[in-house]
Amino acid sequence: MTGSESRESVLISLWDAAIEAVSGYQAVANALKADSTFRPDQIIAVGKAAAGMCLGALDNLPACDALVVTKYGHADAQLQDREGVTILEAGHPIPDQNSLTAGHVLLERTFTMQPDSRLLMLVSGGASALAEALPAGMSLDDLQTRTDEMIASGNTIAEINAWRKQNSLIKDGKLIEAFKGAELRVYAISDVEGDAIDTIGSGLGDCHRASVLARSKVIASNRIARDQVGKTAIELGLVVNVNEETLYGDLFELAAVIGDTLRNAEPGVYLWGGEPTVVLPANPGKGGRNQSLALAVAEHLAGLEHISLLVAGTDGSDGPTTAAGGIVDGSTWSDPRAARAALQQADAGSYLQQQDALFVTGPTNTNVMDLAIAIVDAV
């Protein structure tokens, strides 16, 4: 393999293979085939992958009603034409008034199901912000302010979700507690370290409070996505030298580790998964953690013509932008002064756009944290 364009093409192929392996549609379809006796009367899907997950259920079950809560712009057009499907869109990563509306609709829909009914709940990353019902004494402004503070301060998703669980009427299994039907299943796509059901969506699908027959299962994860990247790379004749879920911690520290690894690497594919953290300045610019990580690594690759790196969020969005991340190589760090300023101002997206280095996918109907995939050619 020679040239940055060739490496970029292969990186995108590896990315596409990962996303297909953990698509909401396919993950739910596979889970239902393995649980063939379960026939729900109602589907509730919440999260950035909710549309794809719901379609996977509807296409593999007898007709039933469905409620879908997802991020603005993430509702699949196919769902809008389905009879019996209600779609609510809300704010992410900062919840908005529609998030509160969605939370109360979830509670009402769940609580009013018949005693002999069965519920299929589909949960993916983003559910924490997209639907909420607040306890007495807490306002939407309180929720937005606290959420913004925690994100800007570099808190991990586990830390943020722990706070959300304590200040919610639907998280930490409380929505499931409201279900008084006969049986419930929860299928979850994990966007958290350790794939813990009590952390995904702040425990929206956690069954520990259930008073009826209920069980949960994680049906897609970062590991599944990374393993598919590895399998596809081998099929393309490439050697996979690193496959780790270690993208945790400060993104600048991670950039130094990844940069050092790649500068001294043998030819092949290098792959990391997880979710870095970043402390934001007072007035952040355009770009999310993946764009920042890609640009921060680019500094360590400056001048090297045999390495390319893709860093992106598997949900197709990175922070408050429409890009998933960035694709960088040895030429990306061509204006060091502007690049460093962009990183300091959390404005990596603007710099990468000028370098034609943004990676844009649109909504992917999945969400298994972030991927960093690198290809190193022989020198």
Protein backbone atom coordinates (compact mmCIF):
# COMPACT_ATOMS: atom_id res chain seq x y z
CA MET A 1 0.00 0.00 0.00
CA THR A 2 1.42 3.37 -0.97
CA GLY A 3 0.20 6.94 -0.63
CA SER A 4 -2.10 8.73 1.79
CA GLU A 5 -5.11 8.45 -0.53
CA SER A 6 -4.78 4.66 -0.63
CA ARG A 7 -4.43 4.46 3.15
CA GLU A 8 -7.43 6.74 3.62
CA SER A 9 -9.55 4.54 1.38
CA VAL A 10 -8.64 1.46 3.38
CA LEU A 11 -9.25 3.26 6.69
CA ILE A 12 -12.76 4.15 5.57
CA SER A 13 -13.37 0.54 4.50
CA LEU A 14 -12.27 -0.68 7.92
CA TRP A 15 -14.50 1.91 9.58
CA ASP A 16 -17.49 0.87 7.48
CA ALA A 17 -16.95 -2.78 8.42
CA ALA A 18 -16.92 -1.87 12.12
CA ILE A 19 -20.13 0.13 11.90
CA GLU A 20 -21.93 -2.61 9.99
CA ALA A 21 -20.93 -5.16 12.63
CA VAL A 22 -22.57 -3.14 15.42
CA SER A 23 -25.46 -1.54 13.52
CA GLY A 24 -28.58 -1.09 15.62
CA TYR A 25 -30.70 -2.83 13.01
CA GLN A 26 -28.56 -5.96 12.75
CA ALA A 27 -27.77 -6.21 16.47
CA VAL A 28 -31.47 -6.21 17.38
CA ALA A 29 -32.39 -8.60 14.56
CA ASN A 30 -29.74 -11.05 15.79
CA ALA A 31 -30.90 -10.75 19.40
CA LEU A 32 -34.53 -11.43 18.49
CA LYS A 33 -33.59 -14.50 16.47
CA ALA A 34 -31.81 -15.86 19.53
CA ASP A 35 -34.87 -15.01 21.70
CA SER A 36 -37.49 -16.29 19.27
CA THR A 37 -40.28 -16.95 21.79
CA PHE A 38 -40.51 -13.35 23.01
CA ARG A 39 -43.31 -11.39 21.34
CA PRO A 40 -43.72 -7.83 22.69
CA ASP A 41 -46.85 -5.71 22.57
CA GLN A 42 -44.86 -2.48 22.71
CA ILE A 43 -41.37 -1.34 21.68
CA ILE A 44 -39.63 1.57 23.38
CA ALA A 45 -36.33 2.69 21.82
CA VAL A 46 -34.21 5.48 23.31
CA GLY A 47 -30.81 6.76 22.20
CA LYS A 48 -28.82 7.90 19.19
CA ALA A 49 -29.17 4.42 17.67
CA ALA A 50 -32.88 4.15 18.54
CA ALA A 51 -34.16 4.45 14.96
CA GLY A 52 -32.03 1.63 13.58
CA MET A 53 -32.69 -0.56 16.61
CA CYS A 54 -36.43 -0.04 16.30
CA LEU A 55 -36.40 -0.90 12.59
CA GLY A 56 -34.49 -4.08 13.39
CA ALA A 57 -37.25 -5.02 15.82
CA LEU A 58 -40.20 -4.06 13.62
CA ASP A 59 -38.85 -6.02 10.66
CA ASN A 60 -38.42 -9.17 12.75
CA LEU A 61 -41.56 -9.15 14.91
CA PRO A 62 -45.33 -9.28 14.45
CA ALA A 63 -46.86 -5.81 14.18
CA CYS A 64 -46.79 -3.78 17.39
CA ASP A 65 -46.67 -0.13 18.48
CA ALA A 66 -43.34 1.62 18.99
CA LEU A 67 -42.08 4.77 20.69
CA VAL A 68 -38.73 6.13 19.47
CA VAL A 69 -36.76 8.86 21.27
CA THR A 70 -33.64 10.00 19.46
CA LYS A 71 -31.38 12.95 18.67
CA TYR A 72 -32.45 15.65 16.25
CA GLY A 73 -31.75 14.47 12.70
CA HIS A 74 -31.35 10.82 13.71
CA ALA A 75 -34.87 9.60 12.91
CA ASP A 76 -34.83 7.19 9.99
CA ALA A 77 -37.18 8.15 7.14
CA GLN A 78 -38.43 4.55 7.00
CA LEU A 79 -39.82 4.88 10.52
CA GLN A 80 -41.88 7.93 9.69
CA ASP A 81 -44.01 5.89 7.30
CA ARG A 82 -44.66 3.06 9.78
CA GLU A 83 -48.10 2.82 11.31
CA GLY A 84 -48.14 2.80 15.11
CA VAL A 85 -44.70 4.43 15.46
CA THR A 86 -44.31 7.62 17.52
CA ILE A 87 -41.03 9.53 17.06
CA LEU A 88 -39.73 12.15 19.49
CA GLU A 89 -36.50 14.06 18.89
CA ALA A 90 -34.63 15.87 21.64
CA GLY A 91 -31.37 17.57 22.62
CA HIS A 92 -27.93 15.98 22.95
CA PRO A 93 -25.46 16.27 24.65
CA ILE A 94 -27.31 18.98 26.58
CA PRO A 95 -30.94 17.99 27.33
CA ASP A 96 -33.72 20.39 26.34
CA GLN A 97 -37.46 20.81 26.88
CA ASN A 98 -38.14 18.00 24.41
CA SER A 99 -36.00 15.73 26.59
CA LEU A 100 -38.38 16.37 29.48
CA THR A 101 -41.38 15.80 27.24
CA ALA A 102 -39.87 12.50 26.11
CA GLY A 103 -39.22 11.42 29.69
CA HIS A 104 -42.82 11.95 30.73
CA VAL A 105 -44.11 10.18 27.61
CA LEU A 106 -41.87 7.21 28.45
CA LEU A 107 -43.26 7.06 31.98
CA GLU A 108 -46.86 7.31 30.80
CA ARG A 109 -46.44 4.73 28.05
CA THR A 110 -44.70 2.27 30.38
CA PHE A 111 -47.00 2.70 33.38
CA THR A 112 -50.24 2.32 31.42
CA MET A 113 -49.40 -0.98 29.71
CA GLN A 114 -51.82 -3.84 30.49
CA PRO A 115 -51.02 -6.43 33.20
CA ASP A 116 -50.54 -9.23 30.63
CA SER A 117 -48.42 -7.12 28.25
CA ARG A 118 -44.82 -7.57 27.15
CA LEU A 119 -42.36 -4.74 26.57
CA LEU A 120 -39.18 -4.63 24.48
CA MET A 121 -36.90 -1.78 25.52
CA LEU A 122 -34.02 -0.78 23.23
CA VAL A 123 -31.35 1.48 24.76
CA SER A 124 -28.24 3.06 23.26
CA GLY A 125 -25.82 5.85 24.08
CA GLY A 126 -27.33 9.30 24.22
CA ALA A 127 -30.39 8.09 26.12
CA SER A 128 -29.26 9.98 29.23
CA ALA A 129 -29.69 13.40 27.63
CA LEU A 130 -32.52 12.58 25.24
CA ALA A 131 -35.12 11.62 27.85
CA GLU A 132 -35.50 12.81 31.41
CA ALA A 133 -38.09 13.25 34.14
CA LEU A 134 -36.86 15.47 36.94
CA PRO A 135 -37.58 15.23 40.65
CA ALA A 136 -39.35 18.04 42.47
CA GLY A 137 -37.14 21.05 43.02
CA MET A 138 -34.94 20.58 39.95
CA SER A 139 -35.53 22.69 36.84
CA LEU A 140 -34.45 22.20 33.24
CA ASP A 141 -32.03 25.10 33.70
CA ASP A 142 -30.48 23.29 36.70
CA LEU A 143 -30.10 20.13 34.62
CA GLN A 144 -28.57 21.93 31.64
CA THR A 145 -26.14 23.93 33.75
CA ARG A 146 -24.91 20.91 35.69
CA THR A 147 -24.60 18.78 32.54
CA ASP A 148 -22.62 21.49 30.75
CA GLU A 149 -20.31 21.91 33.76
CA MET A 150 -19.55 18.19 33.98
CA ILE A 151 -18.87 17.86 30.24
CA ALA A 152 -16.64 20.96 30.18
CA SER A 153 -14.69 19.77 33.25
CA GLY A 154 -13.67 16.50 31.58
CA ASN A 155 -15.80 14.15 33.67
CA THR A 156 -16.08 10.61 32.34
CA ILE A 157 -19.41 9.32 31.09
CA ALA A 158 -19.56 7.02 34.13
CA GLU A 159 -19.19 10.00 36.47
CA ILE A 160 -21.78 12.05 34.60
CA ASN A 161 -24.24 9.17 34.50
CA ALA A 162 -23.80 8.48 38.21
CA TRP A 163 -25.03 12.02 38.92
CA ARG A 164 -27.90 11.64 36.45
CA LYS A 165 -29.07 8.44 38.15
CA GLN A 166 -29.39 10.25 41.47
CA ASN A 167 -31.41 13.11 39.97
CA SER A 168 -33.93 11.36 37.74
CA LEU A 169 -37.34 9.72 37.92
CA ILE A 170 -36.58 7.32 35.04
CA LYS A 171 -32.86 6.46 35.28
CA ASP A 172 -31.30 3.78 37.50
CA GLY A 173 -34.09 1.32 36.64
CA LYS A 174 -36.91 3.63 37.74
CA LEU A 175 -38.64 3.54 34.35
CA ILE A 176 -38.62 -0.26 34.40
CA GLU A 177 -39.97 -0.16 37.95
CA ALA A 178 -43.04 1.61 36.53
CA PHE A 179 -43.78 -1.33 34.20
CA LYS A 180 -46.46 -3.59 35.70
CA GLY A 181 -46.99 -5.90 32.73
CA ALA A 182 -46.03 -9.55 32.43
CA GLU A 183 -42.54 -9.59 30.90
CA LEU A 184 -39.79 -7.25 29.73
CA ARG A 185 -36.61 -7.49 27.66
CA VAL A 186 -33.88 -4.89 27.39
CA TYR A 187 -31.41 -4.93 24.50
CA ALA A 188 -28.62 -2.38 24.85
CA ILE A 189 -25.83 -1.06 22.66
CA SER A 190 -22.95 -0.14 24.94
CA ASP A 191 -21.20 3.22 24.80
CA VAL A 192 -19.46 2.84 28.17
CA GLU A 193 -16.30 1.26 29.51
CA GLY A 194 -17.01 -2.24 30.80
CA ASP A 195 -20.39 -2.46 29.01
CA ALA A 196 -22.25 -2.14 32.33
CA ILE A 197 -26.04 -2.02 31.91
CA ASP A 198 -26.32 0.21 34.99
CA THR A 199 -24.19 2.87 33.25
CA ILE A 200 -25.54 2.68 29.67
CA GLY A 201 -28.13 5.46 29.38
CA SER A 202 -27.64 6.08 33.12
CA GLY A 203 -29.26 2.74 33.86
CA LEU A 204 -32.42 3.41 31.84
CA GLY A 205 -32.52 -0.31 31.00
CA ASP A 206 -31.25 -1.62 34.33
CA CYS A 207 -33.66 -4.31 35.58
CA HIS A 208 -32.64 -4.34 39.23
CA ARG A 209 -35.87 -2.61 40.32
CA ALA A 210 -38.20 -4.74 38.15
CA SER A 211 -41.18 -6.37 39.83
CA VAL A 212 -41.93 -8.60 36.81
CA LEU A 213 -39.96 -11.08 34.72
CA ALA A 214 -37.22 -8.93 33.17
CA ARG A 215 -33.74 -9.37 31.80
CA SER A 216 -31.22 -7.28 29.90
CA LYS A 217 -28.53 -8.04 27.34
CA VAL A 218 -25.76 -5.99 25.71
CA ILE A 219 -26.00 -6.74 21.99
CA ALA A 220 -23.26 -4.51 20.53
CA SER A 221 -20.05 -3.05 21.93
CA ASN A 222 -16.73 -1.44 21.08
CA ARG A 223 -15.03 -4.82 21.27
CA ILE A 224 -17.30 -6.25 18.57
CA ALA A 225 -16.55 -3.26 16.33
CA ARG A 226 -12.79 -3.52 16.88
CA ASP A 227 -12.75 -7.25 16.28
CA GLN A 228 -14.51 -6.70 12.96
CA VAL A 229 -11.89 -4.12 11.99
CA GLY A 230 -9.22 -6.70 12.77
CA LYS A 231 -10.97 -9.40 10.76
CA THR A 232 -11.46 -7.13 7.76
CA ALA A 233 -7.86 -5.93 7.89
CA ILE A 234 -6.59 -9.52 7.78
CA GLU A 235 -8.89 -10.23 4.82
CA LEU A 236 -7.24 -7.28 3.05
CA GLY A 237 -3.82 -8.79 3.66
CA LEU A 238 -2.85 -6.45 6.49
CA VAL A 239 -1.24 -7.31 9.82
CA VAL A 240 -3.03 -6.15 12.98
CA ASN A 241 -0.35 -5.16 15.48
CA VAL A 242 -2.49 -3.48 18.17
CA ASN A 243 -6.18 -3.93 19.10
CA GLU A 244 -6.92 -2.36 22.48
CA GLU A 245 -9.71 -0.62 24.36
CA THR A 246 -7.48 1.96 25.97
CA LEU A 247 -8.85 5.31 24.75
CA TYR A 248 -9.61 6.47 28.28
CA GLY A 249 -8.21 9.51 30.05
CA ASP A 250 -7.02 12.92 28.88
CA LEU A 251 -6.90 13.10 25.08
CA PHE A 252 -3.59 15.00 25.00
CA GLU A 253 -1.91 12.32 27.07
CA LEU A 254 -3.42 9.68 24.79
CA ALA A 255 -2.22 11.59 21.72
CA ALA A 256 1.36 11.45 22.98
CA VAL A 257 1.14 7.69 23.59
CA ILE A 258 -0.48 6.99 20.20
CA GLY A 259 1.93 9.29 18.40
CA ASP A 260 4.96 7.64 19.98
CA THR A 261 3.60 4.18 19.15
CA LEU A 262 2.98 5.04 15.50
CA ARG A 263 6.28 6.84 14.92
CA ASN A 264 8.15 3.70 15.93
CA ALA A 265 5.67 1.17 14.52
CA GLU A 266 6.12 -1.81 12.25
CA PRO A 267 3.92 -1.81 9.12
CA GLY A 268 0.30 -2.80 9.73
CA VAL A 269 -2.94 -1.74 11.41
CA TYR A 270 -3.17 -0.17 14.87
CA LEU A 271 -6.53 0.06 16.57
CA TRP A 272 -7.81 1.64 19.77
CA GLY A 273 -11.30 2.05 21.23
CA GLY A 274 -12.86 3.92 24.13
CA GLU A 275 -13.87 7.47 24.99
CA PRO A 276 -11.25 10.13 25.83
CA THR A 277 -11.95 13.09 28.07
CA VAL A 278 -11.10 16.74 27.52
CA VAL A 279 -11.32 19.88 29.65
CA LEU A 280 -12.92 22.62 27.57
CA PRO A 281 -12.01 26.34 27.62
CA ALA A 282 -14.59 28.96 28.55
CA ASN A 283 -15.75 29.49 24.96
CA PRO A 284 -14.97 26.32 23.00
CA GLY A 285 -14.81 26.48 19.23
CA LYS A 286 -15.96 24.01 16.63
CA GLY A 287 -15.05 20.37 17.15
CA GLY A 288 -15.40 17.42 19.51
CA ARG A 289 -12.98 15.12 21.31
CA ASN A 290 -12.33 12.95 18.24
CA GLN A 291 -11.39 15.90 16.05
CA SER A 292 -9.15 17.18 18.84
CA LEU A 293 -7.50 13.79 19.34
CA ALA A 294 -6.89 13.38 15.61
CA LEU A 295 -5.27 16.81 15.39
CA ALA A 296 -3.24 16.29 18.57
CA VAL A 297 -1.81 13.04 17.16
CA ALA A 298 -1.11 14.79 13.85
CA GLU A 299 1.52 16.90 15.61
CA HIS A 300 3.45 13.72 16.45
CA LEU A 301 3.14 12.48 12.85
CA ALA A 302 4.25 15.72 11.20
CA GLY A 303 6.49 15.04 8.20
CA LEU A 304 5.94 11.27 8.22
CA GLU A 305 4.60 10.20 4.83
CA HIS A 306 3.84 6.55 5.64
CA ILE A 307 1.17 6.86 8.37
CA SER A 308 -2.52 7.76 8.30
CA LEU A 309 -4.97 7.83 11.22
CA LEU A 310 -8.78 7.98 11.45
CA VAL A 311 -10.38 8.99 14.77
CA ALA A 312 -14.17 9.16 14.99
CA GLY A 313 -17.26 8.63 17.10
CA THR A 314 -19.13 5.52 16.02
CA ASP A 315 -22.47 7.35 16.22
CA GLY A 316 -21.40 9.63 13.37
CA SER A 317 -21.25 12.78 15.48
CA ASP A 318 -18.48 14.37 17.50
CA GLY A 319 -19.48 16.91 20.09
CA PRO A 320 -21.80 19.68 18.83
CA THR A 321 -20.78 19.15 15.17
CA THR A 322 -21.97 17.23 12.13
CA ALA A 323 -18.59 15.53 11.62
CA ALA A 324 -17.73 12.15 13.13
CA GLY A 325 -14.04 12.97 13.54
CA GLY A 326 -10.94 13.43 11.41
CA ILE A 327 -8.47 11.64 9.14
CA VAL A 328 -4.89 12.89 9.50
CA ASP A 329 -1.43 12.07 8.20
CA GLY A 330 2.06 13.55 8.10
CA SER A 331 0.91 16.60 6.12
CA THR A 332 -1.98 17.66 8.36
CA TRP A 333 0.20 19.60 10.82
CA SER A 334 1.22 22.02 8.04
CA ASP A 335 0.48 25.20 9.98
CA PRO A 336 1.77 24.54 13.52
CA ARG A 337 0.77 27.91 14.91
CA ALA A 338 -2.83 27.64 13.72
CA ALA A 339 -3.06 23.99 14.74
CA ARG A 340 -1.87 24.63 18.28
CA ALA A 341 -4.27 27.55 18.64
CA ALA A 342 -7.12 25.35 17.40
CA LEU A 343 -6.33 22.72 20.03
CA GLN A 344 -6.10 25.30 22.82
CA GLN A 345 -9.45 26.79 21.80
CA ALA A 346 -11.17 23.40 21.29
CA ASP A 347 -11.55 24.45 17.64
CA ALA A 348 -9.93 21.46 15.95
CA GLY A 349 -12.89 21.11 13.61
CA SER A 350 -12.20 24.47 11.96
CA TYR A 351 -8.56 23.60 11.37
CA LEU A 352 -9.32 20.11 10.04
CA GLN A 353 -11.95 21.55 7.72
CA GLN A 354 -9.34 23.91 6.25
CA GLN A 355 -7.06 20.90 5.74
CA ASP A 356 -9.86 18.87 4.13
CA ALA A 357 -9.35 16.37 6.95
CA LEU A 358 -12.83 16.14 8.50
CA PHE A 359 -14.50 12.72 8.48
CA VAL A 360 -18.25 13.05 7.91
CA THR A 361 -20.57 10.03 7.92
CA GLY A 362 -23.98 11.23 9.06
CA PRO A 363 -25.94 9.25 11.69
CA THR A 364 -24.84 5.61 11.79
CA ASN A 365 -27.68 4.09 13.87
CA THR A 366 -25.20 2.73 16.39
CA ASN A 367 -23.07 4.10 19.23
CA VAL A 368 -20.19 2.07 20.71
CA MET A 369 -17.89 4.91 21.80
CA ASP A 370 -14.95 5.99 19.61
CA LEU A 371 -12.47 4.28 17.31
CA ALA A 372 -8.94 5.27 16.35
CA ILE A 373 -7.61 3.27 13.38
CA ALA A 374 -4.12 3.77 11.95
CA ILE A 375 -2.32 2.27 8.97
CA VAL A 376 1.47 2.27 8.89
CA ASP A 377 3.19 1.54 5.58
CA ALA A 378 6.73 0.29 5.21
CA VAL A 379 9.20 3.17 4.99
